[in-house]
Amino acid sequence: MLKAWVPGLRRARVVATAPDGLPAEIYFELAATLTYSLAYTHDLERREVRWEPRVGRRDGVRGFARFDPEDDGTRITYGLEEGDGRTAADRAIADPQALLAAFSRWMQDEPDVR
């Protein structure tokens, strides 16, 4: 599912799940050389997810996404801090505006995931 909207994603695998069934850690392979895992925390009441690198910290990212109802849609607030091991090309892949645009297109094209 992530490969449908995350540019450069070659593989993603859930390593661990939380007791509520949501992902607690996911391993990623991006572009040609980036490999890392992210640990996730979910605050369902606030509609927020946070992540931080666990394995491969230099390649990983730290951030959050919050989903707030707004009029007839949803406002997404997104923050991202990239690891020191990322090149300019790697940083372009993680451009927040491009990621959110790709996610929005995917959500509109895949009504069954809503």
Protein backbone atom coordinates (compact mmCIF):
# COMPACT_ATOMS: atom_id res chain seq x y z
CA MET A 1 0.00 0.00 0.00
CA LEU A 2 2.79 2.49 0.85
CA LYS A 3 4.53 1.80 -2.47
CA ALA A 4 1.49 3.26 -4.23
CA TRP A 5 2.26 6.78 -2.99
CA VAL A 6 5.77 6.95 -1.44
CA PRO A 7 8.29 7.88 -4.18
CA GLY A 8 11.36 5.65 -4.32
CA LEU A 9 10.00 3.05 -1.88
CA ARG A 10 11.25 -0.41 -2.85
CA ARG A 11 10.08 -2.37 0.20
CA ALA A 12 8.29 -1.86 3.51
CA ARG A 13 7.76 -4.60 6.09
CA VAL A 14 5.96 -4.42 9.43
CA VAL A 15 8.44 -5.64 12.05
CA ALA A 16 6.21 -5.28 15.12
CA THR A 17 2.63 -4.38 15.91
CA ALA A 18 1.16 -2.74 18.98
CA PRO A 19 -1.51 -4.53 21.07
CA ASP A 20 -4.19 -2.56 19.17
CA GLY A 21 -2.95 -4.00 15.85
CA LEU A 22 -1.39 -0.79 14.54
CA PRO A 23 2.23 -0.90 13.31
CA ALA A 24 4.79 -0.30 16.06
CA GLU A 25 7.86 -0.66 13.81
CA ILE A 26 8.30 -0.76 10.04
CA TYR A 27 11.48 -1.55 8.08
CA PHE A 28 12.00 0.48 4.87
CA GLU A 29 14.19 0.21 1.79
CA LEU A 30 14.13 3.39 -0.30
CA ALA A 31 15.90 4.54 -3.43
CA ALA A 32 19.18 2.73 -4.06
CA THR A 33 20.84 2.91 -0.64
CA LEU A 34 18.48 3.96 2.18
CA THR A 35 17.53 1.30 4.72
CA TYR A 36 16.10 1.97 8.17
CA SER A 37 13.25 1.13 10.51
CA LEU A 38 10.87 3.53 12.18
CA ALA A 39 9.15 3.11 15.54
CA TYR A 40 5.58 4.46 15.58
CA THR A 41 3.32 5.78 18.32
CA HIS A 42 -0.35 6.40 17.64
CA ASP A 43 -2.62 8.81 19.49
CA LEU A 44 -6.05 7.87 18.15
CA GLU A 45 -7.87 10.50 20.19
CA ARG A 46 -5.76 13.28 18.64
CA ARG A 47 -5.70 11.50 15.24
CA GLU A 48 -1.92 11.70 15.30
CA VAL A 49 0.93 9.34 14.48
CA ARG A 50 4.60 9.97 15.33
CA TRP A 51 7.68 8.11 14.15
CA GLU A 52 11.37 8.04 14.95
CA PRO A 53 14.26 5.98 13.63
CA ARG A 54 15.15 2.78 15.40
CA VAL A 55 17.62 1.01 13.05
CA GLY A 56 19.62 3.02 10.50
CA ARG A 57 19.26 6.40 12.22
CA ARG A 58 21.49 8.20 9.66
CA ASP A 59 19.14 7.19 6.82
CA GLY A 60 15.89 7.45 8.78
CA VAL A 61 13.42 10.23 9.43
CA ARG A 62 11.62 11.57 12.48
CA GLY A 63 8.22 13.18 12.22
CA PHE A 64 4.48 13.22 12.74
CA ALA A 65 1.18 13.50 10.91
CA ARG A 66 -2.08 14.76 12.39
CA PHE A 67 -5.47 14.47 10.66
CA ASP A 68 -8.10 17.04 11.65
CA PRO A 69 -11.65 17.26 10.25
CA GLU A 70 -12.19 20.45 8.28
CA ASP A 71 -15.36 21.42 6.40
CA ASP A 72 -15.96 18.60 3.89
CA GLY A 73 -12.46 17.15 4.14
CA THR A 74 -9.42 16.66 6.30
CA ARG A 75 -6.51 18.96 7.18
CA ILE A 76 -3.19 17.13 7.41
CA THR A 77 -0.42 18.65 9.51
CA TYR A 78 2.89 16.98 8.70
CA GLY A 79 6.37 17.45 10.10
CA LEU A 80 9.57 15.71 9.04
CA GLU A 81 13.23 15.78 10.14
CA GLU A 82 15.65 13.81 7.99
CA GLY A 83 18.73 11.89 9.10
CA ASP A 84 22.26 13.15 8.44
CA GLY A 85 23.04 10.31 6.02
CA ARG A 86 20.64 11.54 3.34
CA THR A 87 21.90 13.06 0.11
CA ALA A 88 20.18 15.92 -1.74
CA ALA A 89 18.50 13.33 -4.00
CA ASP A 90 17.30 11.39 -0.93
CA ARG A 91 15.90 14.59 0.55
CA ALA A 92 14.01 15.32 -2.68
CA ILE A 93 12.26 11.94 -2.36
CA ALA A 94 11.03 12.91 1.12
CA ASP A 95 9.78 16.37 0.12
CA PRO A 96 6.71 16.89 2.34
CA GLN A 97 4.67 18.68 -0.33
CA ALA A 98 5.31 15.92 -2.88
CA LEU A 99 4.50 13.19 -0.33
CA LEU A 100 1.25 14.85 0.73
CA ALA A 101 0.21 15.44 -2.90
CA ALA A 102 0.93 11.78 -3.74
CA PHE A 103 -1.00 10.63 -0.64
CA SER A 104 -3.97 12.85 -1.57
CA ARG A 105 -4.03 11.49 -5.15
CA TRP A 106 -3.84 7.93 -3.83
CA MET A 107 -6.71 8.51 -1.38
CA GLN A 108 -8.87 9.93 -4.18
CA ASP A 109 -8.03 7.04 -6.52
CA GLU A 110 -8.55 4.30 -3.89
CA PRO A 111 -11.94 4.96 -2.23
CA ASP A 112 -11.93 1.52 -0.54
CA VAL A 113 -9.11 2.53 1.85
CA ARG A 114 -10.96 5.42 3.46
